[in-house]
Protein backbone atom coordinates (compact mmCIF):
# COMPACT_ATOMS: atom_id res chain seq x y z
CA MET A 1 -86.32 -163.62 72.86
CA GLU A 2 -84.45 -166.55 71.77
CA GLN A 3 -81.23 -165.05 72.70
CA THR A 4 -82.09 -164.16 76.26
CA ASP A 5 -82.98 -167.73 76.69
CA LYS A 6 -79.83 -169.18 75.37
CA LYS A 7 -77.79 -166.75 77.89
CA ARG A 8 -79.95 -168.33 80.84
CA SER A 9 -78.00 -171.10 82.61
CA PHE A 10 -78.44 -172.92 85.76
CA ALA A 11 -75.25 -171.29 87.14
CA ALA A 12 -76.69 -167.87 86.51
CA GLY A 13 -79.89 -168.64 88.58
CA ALA A 14 -77.85 -170.25 91.46
CA ALA A 15 -75.85 -167.49 91.71
CA GLU A 16 -78.84 -165.18 92.46
CA THR A 17 -80.59 -167.73 94.93
CA SER A 18 -77.46 -168.70 96.94
CA PRO A 19 -77.42 -165.75 99.40
CA LEU A 20 -81.19 -166.60 100.04
CA LEU A 21 -80.25 -170.26 100.71
CA VAL A 22 -77.25 -169.65 102.80
CA GLY A 23 -79.28 -167.13 104.82
CA VAL A 24 -81.99 -169.69 105.55
CA VAL A 25 -79.75 -172.46 106.23
CA GLY A 26 -77.42 -170.49 108.29
CA ILE A 27 -80.27 -168.83 110.26
CA SER A 28 -81.24 -172.23 111.44
CA ILE A 29 -77.83 -172.94 113.14
CA PRO A 30 -78.14 -170.14 115.48
CA VAL A 31 -81.82 -170.71 116.04
CA GLY A 32 -80.79 -174.21 116.93
CA LEU A 33 -78.37 -172.95 119.41
CA ILE A 34 -80.50 -170.46 121.07
CA ALA A 35 -83.11 -173.56 121.66
CA LEU A 36 -80.43 -175.51 122.88
CA ALA A 37 -79.41 -172.64 125.25
CA CYS A 38 -82.58 -172.50 126.59
CA VAL A 39 -83.48 -176.13 127.16
CA GLU A 40 -80.03 -176.83 128.65
CA GLU A 41 -79.71 -173.32 130.26
CA SER A 42 -76.29 -173.04 128.88
CA VAL A 43 -74.24 -169.60 128.68
CA VAL A 44 -71.65 -171.46 126.33
CA ALA A 45 -74.40 -172.36 123.72
CA LEU A 46 -75.75 -168.84 123.79
CA VAL A 47 -72.32 -167.51 123.16
CA PHE A 48 -71.91 -169.71 120.16
CA ALA A 49 -75.36 -168.82 118.81
CA VAL A 50 -74.35 -165.01 118.75
CA LEU A 51 -71.03 -166.14 116.82
CA ALA A 52 -72.81 -168.10 114.54
CA MET A 53 -75.21 -165.04 113.68
CA PHE A 54 -72.18 -163.07 113.05
CA ALA A 55 -70.69 -165.64 111.11
CA VAL A 56 -74.07 -166.00 109.04
CA GLY A 57 -74.28 -161.90 108.42
CA ALA A 58 -70.86 -161.96 107.07
CA THR A 59 -71.28 -164.76 104.71
CA THR A 60 -74.65 -163.38 103.62
CA LEU A 61 -72.96 -159.93 102.98
CA GLY A 62 -70.03 -161.46 101.07
CA PHE A 63 -72.90 -163.06 98.67
CA VAL A 64 -74.66 -159.83 98.29
CA LEU A 65 -71.24 -157.95 97.56
CA ARG A 66 -70.27 -160.47 94.97
CA LEU A 67 -73.62 -160.25 93.35
CA ALA A 68 -73.63 -156.45 93.35
CA SER A 69 -70.02 -155.93 91.76
CA ASP A 70 -69.97 -155.51 88.14
CA GLU A 71 -68.39 -158.03 86.07
CA PRO A 72 -65.82 -156.88 83.52
CA GLU A 73 -67.22 -156.77 80.08
CA VAL A 74 -65.18 -158.86 77.44
CA GLU A 75 -64.40 -156.74 74.29
CA GLY A 76 -65.84 -158.15 71.07
CA ALA A 77 -67.98 -161.01 72.74
CA GLU A 78 -71.42 -161.02 71.54
């Protein structure tokens, strides 16, 4: 049990939660732009909201792919 606790670090937890944090913060940007487009009746703000949604999706996908990839194991390390 002690060995598993020693292997845990803040960086390991941050790597697992970073896609969630990026998603939550990233989603607020398009939502804000959509609200701005509704209030100002601006097509430009709506286009920026759609582009921001694609950017947030691509960023989150990048994090998930990085987390899903297998890290090379170092031989002889315990």
